[in-house]
PDB file of N, CA and C in Angstrom:
ATOM      1  N   MET A   1     -70.664  -8.525 -80.379  1.00  0.00           N
ATOM      2  CA  MET A   1     -69.248  -8.510 -80.715  1.00  0.00           C
ATOM      3  C   MET A   1     -69.000  -9.539 -81.804  1.00  0.00           C
ATOM      4  N   THR A   2     -68.512  -9.108 -82.929  1.00  0.00           N
ATOM      5  CA  THR A   2     -68.320 -10.019 -84.043  1.00  0.00           C
ATOM      6  C   THR A   2     -66.878 -10.082 -84.508  1.00  0.00           C
ATOM      7  N   ASP A   3     -66.018  -9.257 -83.963  1.00  0.00           N
ATOM      8  CA  ASP A   3     -64.638  -9.250 -84.430  1.00  0.00           C
ATOM      9  C   ASP A   3     -63.728 -10.033 -83.489  1.00  0.00           C
ATOM     10  N   TYR A   4     -62.662 -10.529 -84.081  1.00  0.00           N
ATOM     11  CA  TYR A   4     -61.655 -11.263 -83.326  1.00  0.00           C
ATOM     12  C   TYR A   4     -60.467 -10.341 -83.081  1.00  0.00           C
ATOM     13  N   MET A   5     -59.753 -10.590 -82.008  1.00  0.00           N
ATOM     14  CA  MET A   5     -58.518  -9.855 -81.736  1.00  0.00           C
ATOM     15  C   MET A   5     -57.376 -10.853 -81.739  1.00  0.00           C
ATOM     16  N   THR A   6     -56.294 -10.501 -82.418  1.00  0.00           N
ATOM     17  CA  THR A   6     -55.096 -11.326 -82.348  1.00  0.00           C
ATOM     18  C   THR A   6     -54.398 -11.043 -81.024  1.00  0.00           C
ATOM     19  N   VAL A   7     -53.438 -11.882 -80.673  1.00  0.00           N
ATOM     20  CA  VAL A   7     -52.666 -11.653 -79.457  1.00  0.00           C
ATOM     21  C   VAL A   7     -51.948 -10.300 -79.545  1.00  0.00           C
ATOM     22  N   LEU A   8     -51.396  -9.988 -80.709  1.00  0.00           N
ATOM     23  CA  LEU A   8     -50.710  -8.700 -80.856  1.00  0.00           C
ATOM     24  C   LEU A   8     -51.665  -7.531 -80.659  1.00  0.00           C
ATOM     25  N   GLU A   9     -52.893  -7.662 -81.156  1.00  0.00           N
ATOM     26  CA  GLU A   9     -53.884  -6.600 -80.953  1.00  0.00           C
ATOM     27  C   GLU A   9     -54.255  -6.481 -79.474  1.00  0.00           C
ATOM     28  N   MET A  10     -54.383  -7.617 -78.795  1.00  0.00           N
ATOM     29  CA  MET A  10     -54.675  -7.585 -77.359  1.00  0.00           C
ATOM     30  C   MET A  10     -53.553  -6.904 -76.593  1.00  0.00           C
ATOM     31  N   LEU A  11     -52.316  -7.320 -76.876  1.00  0.00           N
ATOM     32  CA  LEU A  11     -51.165  -6.724 -76.191  1.00  0.00           C
ATOM     33  C   LEU A  11     -51.075  -5.226 -76.453  1.00  0.00           C
ATOM     34  N   SER A  12     -51.305  -4.834 -77.698  1.00  0.00           N
ATOM     35  CA  SER A  12     -51.241  -3.424 -78.060  1.00  0.00           C
ATOM     36  C   SER A  12     -52.318  -2.622 -77.322  1.00  0.00           C
ATOM     37  N   ALA A  13     -53.539  -3.158 -77.267  1.00  0.00           N
ATOM     38  CA  ALA A  13     -54.634  -2.465 -76.575  1.00  0.00           C
ATOM     39  C   ALA A  13     -54.322  -2.305 -75.084  1.00  0.00           C
ATOM     40  N   LEU A  14     -53.747  -3.343 -74.484  1.00  0.00           N
ATOM     41  CA  LEU A  14     -53.389  -3.259 -73.067  1.00  0.00           C
ATOM     42  C   LEU A  14     -52.271  -2.247 -72.851  1.00  0.00           C
ATOM     43  N   GLU A  15     -51.267  -2.293 -73.731  1.00  0.00           N
ATOM     44  CA  GLU A  15     -50.123  -1.389 -73.595  1.00  0.00           C
ATOM     45  C   GLU A  15     -50.531   0.072 -73.802  1.00  0.00           C
ATOM     46  N   ARG A  16     -51.391   0.330 -74.787  1.00  0.00           N
ATOM     47  CA  ARG A  16     -51.839   1.697 -75.071  1.00  0.00           C
ATOM     48  C   ARG A  16     -52.857   2.191 -74.048  1.00  0.00           C
ATOM     49  N   GLY A  17     -53.441   1.258 -73.314  1.00  0.00           N
ATOM     50  CA  GLY A  17     -54.453   1.643 -72.334  1.00  0.00           C
ATOM     51  C   GLY A  17     -55.835   1.823 -72.933  1.00  0.00           C
ATOM     52  N   THR A  18     -56.028   1.363 -74.178  1.00  0.00           N
ATOM     53  CA  THR A  18     -57.351   1.479 -74.801  1.00  0.00           C
ATOM     54  C   THR A  18     -58.292   0.374 -74.333  1.00  0.00           C
ATOM     55  N   MET A  19     -57.734  -0.592 -73.624  1.00  0.00           N
ATOM     56  CA  MET A  19     -58.529  -1.674 -73.050  1.00  0.00           C
ATOM     57  C   MET A  19     -57.853  -2.114 -71.763  1.00  0.00           C
ATOM     58  N   THR A  20     -58.646  -2.326 -70.722  1.00  0.00           N
ATOM     59  CA  THR A  20     -58.089  -2.834 -69.473  1.00  0.00           C
ATOM     60  C   THR A  20     -58.069  -4.350 -69.513  1.00  0.00           C
ATOM     61  N   ARG A  21     -57.341  -4.940 -68.586  1.00  0.00           N
ATOM     62  CA  ARG A  21     -57.298  -6.397 -68.489  1.00  0.00           C
ATOM     63  C   ARG A  21     -58.691  -6.947 -68.204  1.00  0.00           C
ATOM     64  N   GLU A  22     -59.454  -6.226 -67.394  1.00  0.00           N
ATOM     65  CA  GLU A  22     -60.815  -6.651 -67.078  1.00  0.00           C
ATOM     66  C   GLU A  22     -61.708  -6.611 -68.302  1.00  0.00           C
ATOM     67  N   GLU A  23     -61.573  -5.555 -69.114  1.00  0.00           N
ATOM     68  CA  GLU A  23     -62.360  -5.440 -70.341  1.00  0.00           C
ATOM     69  C   GLU A  23     -61.989  -6.541 -71.329  1.00  0.00           C
ATOM     70  N   LEU A  24     -60.701  -6.836 -71.430  1.00  0.00           N
ATOM     71  CA  LEU A  24     -60.263  -7.907 -72.318  1.00  0.00           C
ATOM     72  C   LEU A  24     -60.829  -9.249 -71.861  1.00  0.00           C
ATOM     73  N   ALA A  25     -60.739  -9.519 -70.567  1.00  0.00           N
ATOM     74  CA  ALA A  25     -61.269 -10.773 -70.037  1.00  0.00           C
ATOM     75  C   ALA A  25     -62.768 -10.878 -70.311  1.00  0.00           C
ATOM     76  N   THR A  26     -63.491  -9.795 -70.112  1.00  0.00           N
ATOM     77  CA  THR A  26     -64.939  -9.788 -70.368  1.00  0.00           C
ATOM     78  C   THR A  26     -65.221 -10.033 -71.842  1.00  0.00           C
ATOM     79  N   ARG A  27     -64.472  -9.385 -72.701  1.00  0.00           N
ATOM     80  CA  ARG A  27     -64.656  -9.540 -74.147  1.00  0.00           C
ATOM     81  C   ARG A  27     -64.430 -10.987 -74.584  1.00  0.00           C
ATOM     82  N   VAL A  28     -63.355 -11.580 -74.096  1.00  0.00           N
ATOM     83  CA  VAL A  28     -63.053 -12.968 -74.455  1.00  0.00           C
ATOM     84  C   VAL A  28     -64.129 -13.897 -73.903  1.00  0.00           C
ATOM     85  N   TRP A  29     -64.551 -13.658 -72.676  1.00  0.00           N
ATOM     86  CA  TRP A  29     -65.584 -14.504 -72.062  1.00  0.00           C
ATOM     87  C   TRP A  29     -66.897 -14.410 -72.848  1.00  0.00           C
ATOM     88  N   GLU A  30     -67.256 -13.219 -73.299  1.00  0.00           N
ATOM     89  CA  GLU A  30     -68.476 -13.036 -74.087  1.00  0.00           C
ATOM     90  C   GLU A  30     -68.391 -13.793 -75.408  1.00  0.00           C
ATOM     91  N   ARG A  31     -67.215 -13.769 -76.050  1.00  0.00           N
ATOM     92  CA  ARG A  31     -67.029 -14.531 -77.301  1.00  0.00           C
ATOM     93  C   ARG A  31     -67.181 -16.014 -77.033  1.00  0.00           C
ATOM     94  N   LEU A  32     -66.602 -16.465 -75.945  1.00  0.00           N
ATOM     95  CA  LEU A  32     -66.676 -17.873 -75.579  1.00  0.00           C
ATOM     96  C   LEU A  32     -68.128 -18.294 -75.346  1.00  0.00           C
ATOM     97  N   ASP A  33     -68.893 -17.446 -74.663  1.00  0.00           N
ATOM     98  CA  ASP A  33     -70.303 -17.749 -74.413  1.00  0.00           C
ATOM     99  C   ASP A  33     -71.089 -17.912 -75.709  1.00  0.00           C
ATOM    100  N   VAL A  34     -70.745 -17.118 -76.725  1.00  0.00           N
ATOM    101  CA  VAL A  34     -71.450 -17.176 -78.007  1.00  0.00           C
ATOM    102  C   VAL A  34     -70.991 -18.372 -78.843  1.00  0.00           C
ATOM    103  N   LEU A  35     -69.688 -18.568 -78.921  1.00  0.00           N
ATOM    104  CA  LEU A  35     -69.142 -19.559 -79.846  1.00  0.00           C
ATOM    105  C   LEU A  35     -69.045 -20.983 -79.304  1.00  0.00           C
ATOM    106  N   GLU A  36     -68.747 -21.131 -78.035  1.00  0.00           N
ATOM    107  CA  GLU A  36     -68.481 -22.466 -77.494  1.00  0.00           C
ATOM    108  C   GLU A  36     -69.653 -23.436 -77.647  1.00  0.00           C
ATOM    109  N   PRO A  37     -70.896 -23.022 -77.432  1.00  0.00           N
ATOM    110  CA  PRO A  37     -71.990 -23.982 -77.625  1.00  0.00           C
ATOM    111  C   PRO A  37     -72.056 -24.537 -79.053  1.00  0.00           C
ATOM    112  N   LYS A  38     -71.624 -23.739 -80.028  1.00  0.00           N
ATOM    113  CA  LYS A  38     -71.646 -24.180 -81.424  1.00  0.00           C
ATOM    114  C   LYS A  38     -70.393 -24.979 -81.780  1.00  0.00           C
ATOM    115  N   VAL A  39     -69.254 -24.490 -81.340  1.00  0.00           N
ATOM    116  CA  VAL A  39     -67.967 -25.080 -81.718  1.00  0.00           C
ATOM    117  C   VAL A  39     -67.617 -26.285 -80.845  1.00  0.00           C
ATOM    118  N   GLN A  40     -67.925 -26.206 -79.569  1.00  0.00           N
ATOM    119  CA  GLN A  40     -67.611 -27.255 -78.594  1.00  0.00           C
ATOM    120  C   GLN A  40     -66.133 -27.648 -78.654  1.00  0.00           C
ATOM    121  N   ALA A  41     -65.287 -26.632 -78.533  1.00  0.00           N
ATOM    122  CA  ALA A  41     -63.843 -26.831 -78.609  1.00  0.00           C
ATOM    123  C   ALA A  41     -63.218 -27.191 -77.269  1.00  0.00           C
ATOM    124  N   PHE A  42     -63.923 -26.936 -76.176  1.00  0.00           N
ATOM    125  CA  PHE A  42     -63.347 -27.129 -74.855  1.00  0.00           C
ATOM    126  C   PHE A  42     -64.114 -28.193 -74.079  1.00  0.00           C
ATOM    127  N   LEU A  43     -63.376 -29.069 -73.409  1.00  0.00           N
ATOM    128  CA  LEU A  43     -63.998 -30.052 -72.532  1.00  0.00           C
ATOM    129  C   LEU A  43     -64.425 -29.395 -71.230  1.00  0.00           C
ATOM    130  N   TYR A  44     -63.642 -28.418 -70.807  1.00  0.00           N
ATOM    131  CA  TYR A  44     -63.897 -27.741 -69.540  1.00  0.00           C
ATOM    132  C   TYR A  44     -63.522 -26.271 -69.686  1.00  0.00           C
ATOM    133  N   VAL A  45     -64.386 -25.411 -69.221  1.00  0.00           N
ATOM    134  CA  VAL A  45     -64.097 -23.983 -69.202  1.00  0.00           C
ATOM    135  C   VAL A  45     -64.082 -23.560 -67.742  1.00  0.00           C
ATOM    136  N   ASP A  46     -62.984 -22.963 -67.331  1.00  0.00           N
ATOM    137  CA  ASP A  46     -62.810 -22.554 -65.941  1.00  0.00           C
ATOM    138  C   ASP A  46     -63.546 -21.243 -65.706  1.00  0.00           C
ATOM    139  N   PRO A  47     -64.642 -21.260 -64.954  1.00  0.00           N
ATOM    140  CA  PRO A  47     -65.411 -20.034 -64.757  1.00  0.00           C
ATOM    141  C   PRO A  47     -64.671 -18.960 -63.961  1.00  0.00           C
ATOM    142  N   GLU A  48     -63.617 -19.315 -63.273  1.00  0.00           N
ATOM    143  CA  GLU A  48     -62.844 -18.336 -62.514  1.00  0.00           C
ATOM    144  C   GLU A  48     -61.645 -17.807 -63.296  1.00  0.00           C
ATOM    145  N   ALA A  49     -61.470 -18.293 -64.517  1.00  0.00           N
ATOM    146  CA  ALA A  49     -60.315 -17.882 -65.312  1.00  0.00           C
ATOM    147  C   ALA A  49     -60.306 -16.380 -65.570  1.00  0.00           C
ATOM    148  N   ALA A  50     -61.466 -15.806 -65.829  1.00  0.00           N
ATOM    149  CA  ALA A  50     -61.520 -14.365 -66.106  1.00  0.00           C
ATOM    150  C   ALA A  50     -61.000 -13.561 -64.926  1.00  0.00           C
ATOM    151  N   ASP A  51     -61.274 -14.030 -63.718  1.00  0.00           N
ATOM    152  CA  ASP A  51     -60.770 -13.324 -62.538  1.00  0.00           C
ATOM    153  C   ASP A  51     -59.249 -13.369 -62.488  1.00  0.00           C
ATOM    154  N   ARG A  52     -58.669 -14.516 -62.851  1.00  0.00           N
ATOM    155  CA  ARG A  52     -57.208 -14.631 -62.820  1.00  0.00           C
ATOM    156  C   ARG A  52     -56.573 -13.832 -63.953  1.00  0.00           C
ATOM    157  N   ILE A  53     -57.227 -13.797 -65.109  1.00  0.00           N
ATOM    158  CA  ILE A  53     -56.710 -13.020 -66.231  1.00  0.00           C
ATOM    159  C   ILE A  53     -56.673 -11.541 -65.858  1.00  0.00           C
ATOM    160  N   ALA A  54     -57.679 -11.113 -65.136  1.00  0.00           N
ATOM    161  CA  ALA A  54     -57.792  -9.694 -64.792  1.00  0.00           C
ATOM    162  C   ALA A  54     -56.965  -9.299 -63.579  1.00  0.00           C
ATOM    163  N   ASP A  55     -56.268 -10.247 -62.976  1.00  0.00           N
ATOM    164  CA  ASP A  55     -55.408  -9.931 -61.840  1.00  0.00           C
ATOM    165  C   ASP A  55     -54.320  -8.955 -62.266  1.00  0.00           C
ATOM    166  N   PRO A  56     -53.651  -8.326 -61.308  1.00  0.00           N
ATOM    167  CA  PRO A  56     -52.553  -7.405 -61.655  1.00  0.00           C
ATOM    168  C   PRO A  56     -51.529  -8.078 -62.558  1.00  0.00           C
ATOM    169  N   PRO A  57     -50.876  -7.304 -63.406  1.00  0.00           N
ATOM    170  CA  PRO A  57     -49.922  -7.854 -64.368  1.00  0.00           C
ATOM    171  C   PRO A  57     -48.835  -8.711 -63.726  1.00  0.00           C
ATOM    172  N   GLY A  58     -48.442  -9.747 -64.428  1.00  0.00           N
ATOM    173  CA  GLY A  58     -47.354 -10.606 -63.991  1.00  0.00           C
ATOM    174  C   GLY A  58     -46.064 -10.157 -64.641  1.00  0.00           C
ATOM    175  N   SER A  59     -45.085 -11.028 -64.590  1.00  0.00           N
ATOM    176  CA  SER A  59     -43.769 -10.643 -65.096  1.00  0.00           C
ATOM    177  C   SER A  59     -43.576 -10.954 -66.575  1.00  0.00           C
ATOM    178  N   GLY A  60     -44.424 -11.784 -67.155  1.00  0.00           N
ATOM    179  CA  GLY A  60     -44.243 -12.163 -68.555  1.00  0.00           C
ATOM    180  C   GLY A  60     -44.940 -11.215 -69.510  1.00  0.00           C
ATOM    181  N   PRO A  61     -44.452 -11.143 -70.739  1.00  0.00           N
ATOM    182  CA  PRO A  61     -45.046 -10.238 -71.718  1.00  0.00           C
ATOM    183  C   PRO A  61     -46.451 -10.663 -72.155  1.00  0.00           C
ATOM    184  N   LEU A  62     -46.842 -11.890 -71.884  1.00  0.00           N
ATOM    185  CA  LEU A  62     -48.187 -12.343 -72.236  1.00  0.00           C
ATOM    186  C   LEU A  62     -49.133 -12.336 -71.042  1.00  0.00           C
ATOM    187  N   SER A  63     -48.709 -11.739 -69.965  1.00  0.00           N
ATOM    188  CA  SER A  63     -49.550 -11.647 -68.779  1.00  0.00           C
ATOM    189  C   SER A  63     -50.851 -10.924 -69.137  1.00  0.00           C
ATOM    190  N   GLY A  64     -51.975 -11.537 -68.773  1.00  0.00           N
ATOM    191  CA  GLY A  64     -53.273 -10.951 -69.072  1.00  0.00           C
ATOM    192  C   GLY A  64     -53.891 -11.445 -70.355  1.00  0.00           C
ATOM    193  N   ILE A  65     -53.136 -12.173 -71.154  1.00  0.00           N
ATOM    194  CA  ILE A  65     -53.658 -12.703 -72.411  1.00  0.00           C
ATOM    195  C   ILE A  65     -54.261 -14.075 -72.139  1.00  0.00           C
ATOM    196  N   PRO A  66     -55.542 -14.259 -72.457  1.00  0.00           N
ATOM    197  CA  PRO A  66     -56.180 -15.557 -72.207  1.00  0.00           C
ATOM    198  C   PRO A  66     -55.631 -16.633 -73.147  1.00  0.00           C
ATOM    199  N   VAL A  67     -55.522 -17.843 -72.617  1.00  0.00           N
ATOM    200  CA  VAL A  67     -55.049 -18.967 -73.426  1.00  0.00           C
ATOM    201  C   VAL A  67     -55.957 -20.169 -73.214  1.00  0.00           C
ATOM    202  N   GLY A  68     -56.001 -21.010 -74.214  1.00  0.00           N
ATOM    203  CA  GLY A  68     -56.651 -22.308 -74.089  1.00  0.00           C
ATOM    204  C   GLY A  68     -55.559 -23.349 -73.934  1.00  0.00           C
ATOM    205  N   VAL A  69     -55.772 -24.293 -73.054  1.00  0.00           N
ATOM    206  CA  VAL A  69     -54.772 -25.322 -72.795  1.00  0.00           C
ATOM    207  C   VAL A  69     -55.343 -26.668 -73.222  1.00  0.00           C
ATOM    208  N   LYS A  70     -54.616 -27.383 -74.053  1.00  0.00           N
ATOM    209  CA  LYS A  70     -55.047 -28.700 -74.523  1.00  0.00           C
ATOM    210  C   LYS A  70     -55.358 -29.583 -73.336  1.00  0.00           C
ATOM    211  N   ASP A  71     -56.447 -30.340 -73.428  1.00  0.00           N
ATOM    212  CA  ASP A  71     -56.926 -31.138 -72.296  1.00  0.00           C
ATOM    213  C   ASP A  71     -55.942 -32.205 -71.839  1.00  0.00           C
ATOM    214  N   MET A  72     -54.985 -32.554 -72.651  1.00  0.00           N
ATOM    215  CA  MET A  72     -54.022 -33.575 -72.234  1.00  0.00           C
ATOM    216  C   MET A  72     -52.840 -32.979 -71.457  1.00  0.00           C
ATOM    217  N   ILE A  73     -52.819 -31.664 -71.294  1.00  0.00           N
ATOM    218  CA  ILE A  73     -51.753 -30.994 -70.544  1.00  0.00           C
ATOM    219  C   ILE A  73     -52.267 -30.696 -69.144  1.00  0.00           C
ATOM    220  N   ASP A  74     -51.551 -31.185 -68.153  1.00  0.00           N
ATOM    221  CA  ASP A  74     -51.927 -30.942 -66.757  1.00  0.00           C
ATOM    222  C   ASP A  74     -51.693 -29.487 -66.382  1.00  0.00           C
ATOM    223  N   VAL A  75     -52.615 -28.964 -65.604  1.00  0.00           N
ATOM    224  CA  VAL A  75     -52.459 -27.648 -64.983  1.00  0.00           C
ATOM    225  C   VAL A  75     -52.952 -27.812 -63.556  1.00  0.00           C
ATOM    226  N   ALA A  76     -52.076 -27.538 -62.601  1.00  0.00           N
ATOM    227  CA  ALA A  76     -52.422 -27.719 -61.193  1.00  0.00           C
ATOM    228  C   ALA A  76     -53.722 -26.998 -60.867  1.00  0.00           C
ATOM    229  N   GLY A  77     -54.597 -27.693 -60.152  1.00  0.00           N
ATOM    230  CA  GLY A  77     -55.866 -27.123 -59.739  1.00  0.00           C
ATOM    231  C   GLY A  77     -56.976 -27.232 -60.766  1.00  0.00           C
ATOM    232  N   SER A  78     -56.660 -27.748 -61.950  1.00  0.00           N
ATOM    233  CA  SER A  78     -57.691 -27.854 -62.984  1.00  0.00           C
ATOM    234  C   SER A  78     -58.405 -29.198 -62.915  1.00  0.00           C
ATOM    235  N   ARG A  79     -59.606 -29.205 -63.463  1.00  0.00           N
ATOM    236  CA  ARG A  79     -60.335 -30.460 -63.610  1.00  0.00           C
ATOM    237  C   ARG A  79     -59.835 -31.148 -64.861  1.00  0.00           C
ATOM    238  N   ARG A  80     -60.054 -32.440 -64.933  1.00  0.00           N
ATOM    239  CA  ARG A  80     -59.614 -33.187 -66.106  1.00  0.00           C
ATOM    240  C   ARG A  80     -60.755 -34.061 -66.632  1.00  0.00           C
ATOM    241  N   PRO A  81     -61.834 -33.478 -67.139  1.00  0.00           N
ATOM    242  CA  PRO A  81     -62.902 -34.298 -67.678  1.00  0.00           C
ATOM    243  C   PRO A  81     -62.422 -35.014 -68.935  1.00  0.00           C
ATOM    244  N   GLY A  82     -62.941 -36.174 -69.151  1.00  0.00           N
ATOM    245  CA  GLY A  82     -62.583 -36.909 -70.350  1.00  0.00           C
ATOM    246  C   GLY A  82     -61.258 -37.632 -70.271  1.00  0.00           C
ATOM    247  N   VAL A  83     -60.657 -37.672 -69.096  1.00  0.00           N
ATOM    248  CA  VAL A  83     -59.385 -38.364 -68.931  1.00  0.00           C
ATOM    249  C   VAL A  83     -59.659 -39.867 -68.885  1.00  0.00           C
ATOM    250  N   PRO A  84     -58.860 -40.666 -69.590  1.00  0.00           N
ATOM    251  CA  PRO A  84     -59.075 -42.116 -69.565  1.00  0.00           C
ATOM    252  C   PRO A  84     -59.097 -42.671 -68.140  1.00  0.00           C
ATOM    253  N   ALA A  85     -59.932 -43.659 -67.915  1.00  0.00           N
ATOM    254  CA  ALA A  85     -60.145 -44.232 -66.587  1.00  0.00           C
ATOM    255  C   ALA A  85     -58.863 -44.580 -65.825  1.00  0.00           C
ATOM    256  N   PRO A  86     -57.855 -45.177 -66.443  1.00  0.00           N
ATOM    257  CA  PRO A  86     -56.662 -45.558 -65.664  1.00  0.00           C
ATOM    258  C   PRO A  86     -55.942 -44.396 -64.989  1.00  0.00           C
ATOM    259  N   ILE A  87     -56.147 -43.172 -65.475  1.00  0.00           N
ATOM    260  CA  ILE A  87     -55.416 -42.060 -64.863  1.00  0.00           C
ATOM    261  C   ILE A  87     -56.335 -41.030 -64.214  1.00  0.00           C
ATOM    262  N   THR A  88     -57.610 -41.361 -64.019  1.00  0.00           N
ATOM    263  CA  THR A  88     -58.529 -40.386 -63.430  1.00  0.00           C
ATOM    264  C   THR A  88     -58.147 -40.021 -62.003  1.00  0.00           C
ATOM    265  N   GLY A  89     -57.475 -40.917 -61.303  1.00  0.00           N
ATOM    266  CA  GLY A  89     -57.087 -40.639 -59.925  1.00  0.00           C
ATOM    267  C   GLY A  89     -55.842 -39.780 -59.815  1.00  0.00           C
ATOM    268  N   CYS A  90     -55.153 -39.555 -60.907  1.00  0.00           N
ATOM    269  CA  CYS A  90     -53.945 -38.730 -60.879  1.00  0.00           C
ATOM    270  C   CYS A  90     -54.319 -37.277 -60.648  1.00  0.00           C
ATOM    271  N   ARG A  91     -53.554 -36.606 -59.822  1.00  0.00           N
ATOM    272  CA  ARG A  91     -53.794 -35.189 -59.558  1.00  0.00           C
ATOM    273  C   ARG A  91     -52.989 -34.372 -60.570  1.00  0.00           C
ATOM    274  N   PRO A  92     -53.649 -33.456 -61.290  1.00  0.00           N
ATOM    275  CA  PRO A  92     -52.922 -32.645 -62.265  1.00  0.00           C
ATOM    276  C   PRO A  92     -51.825 -31.820 -61.604  1.00  0.00           C
ATOM    277  N   ARG A  93     -50.721 -31.725 -62.285  1.00  0.00           N
ATOM    278  CA  ARG A  93     -49.643 -30.849 -61.837  1.00  0.00           C
ATOM    279  C   ARG A  93     -49.187 -30.052 -63.046  1.00  0.00           C
ATOM    280  N   THR A  94     -48.705 -28.900 -62.782  1.00  0.00           N
ATOM    281  CA  THR A  94     -48.307 -28.015 -63.866  1.00  0.00           C
ATOM    282  C   THR A  94     -46.950 -28.458 -64.406  1.00  0.00           C
ATOM    283  N   PRO A  95     -46.824 -28.591 -65.743  1.00  0.00           N
ATOM    284  CA  PRO A  95     -45.525 -28.946 -66.313  1.00  0.00           C
ATOM    285  C   PRO A  95     -44.463 -27.919 -65.935  1.00  0.00           C
ATOM    286  N   HIS A  96     -43.221 -28.370 -65.856  1.00  0.00           N
ATOM    287  CA  HIS A  96     -42.145 -27.476 -65.411  1.00  0.00           C
ATOM    288  C   HIS A  96     -42.000 -26.245 -66.299  1.00  0.00           C
ATOM    289  N   ALA A  97     -42.358 -26.327 -67.558  1.00  0.00           N
ATOM    290  CA  ALA A  97     -42.213 -25.181 -68.455  1.00  0.00           C
ATOM    291  C   ALA A  97     -43.339 -24.175 -68.298  1.00  0.00           C
ATOM    292  N   TRP A  98     -44.470 -24.584 -67.754  1.00  0.00           N
ATOM    293  CA  TRP A  98     -45.637 -23.702 -67.685  1.00  0.00           C
ATOM    294  C   TRP A  98     -45.388 -22.413 -66.905  1.00  0.00           C
ATOM    295  N   PRO A  99     -44.731 -22.435 -65.731  1.00  0.00           N
ATOM    296  CA  PRO A  99     -44.534 -21.175 -65.002  1.00  0.00           C
ATOM    297  C   PRO A  99     -43.755 -20.131 -65.788  1.00  0.00           C
ATOM    298  N   SER A 100     -42.929 -20.563 -66.741  1.00  0.00           N
ATOM    299  CA  SER A 100     -42.142 -19.592 -67.497  1.00  0.00           C
ATOM    300  C   SER A 100     -42.833 -19.184 -68.792  1.00  0.00           C
ATOM    301  N   PHE A 101     -44.040 -19.691 -69.027  1.00  0.00           N
ATOM    302  CA  PHE A 101     -44.774 -19.350 -70.238  1.00  0.00           C
ATOM    303  C   PHE A 101     -44.926 -17.842 -70.336  1.00  0.00           C
ATOM    304  N   GLY A 102     -44.527 -17.305 -71.438  1.00  0.00           N
ATOM    305  CA  GLY A 102     -44.678 -15.876 -71.646  1.00  0.00           C
ATOM    306  C   GLY A 102     -43.516 -15.035 -71.181  1.00  0.00           C
ATOM    307  N   LYS A 103     -42.546 -15.639 -70.502  1.00  0.00           N
ATOM    308  CA  LYS A 103     -41.397 -14.846 -70.067  1.00  0.00           C
ATOM    309  C   LYS A 103     -40.443 -14.647 -71.246  1.00  0.00           C
ATOM    310  N   PRO A 104     -39.675 -13.589 -71.226  1.00  0.00           N
ATOM    311  CA  PRO A 104     -38.737 -13.344 -72.322  1.00  0.00           C
ATOM    312  C   PRO A 104     -37.849 -14.552 -72.583  1.00  0.00           C
ATOM    313  N   GLY A 105     -37.628 -14.828 -73.855  1.00  0.00           N
ATOM    314  CA  GLY A 105     -36.773 -15.942 -74.238  1.00  0.00           C
ATOM    315  C   GLY A 105     -37.509 -17.257 -74.370  1.00  0.00           C
ATOM    316  N   ARG A 106     -38.817 -17.264 -74.132  1.00  0.00           N
ATOM    317  CA  ARG A 106     -39.613 -18.500 -74.244  1.00  0.00           C
ATOM    318  C   ARG A 106     -40.461 -18.464 -75.469  1.00  0.00           C
TER     319      ARG A 106
END
């Protein structure tokens, strides 16, 4: 796989039914496997993320679209490698805006 898909292309493929959420998750994961060792853009990659991406559609228009989250942004249940020592004991919590990510008007 050598081509990239924009978010609009992903949404269109899902809407038209030319790609399932599972196929999209697999495609993105395969790209990550190829590129991440070279690019090293992520401190942590959640191996269960593909399962959550492929879950039944949510209420937001971006449901099913994979995202990368900057390591300084807390997400409940995530690991925080590379966090400065003074805050390593803090438990990540999801910012109040995160649950509405992708909902209309956001």
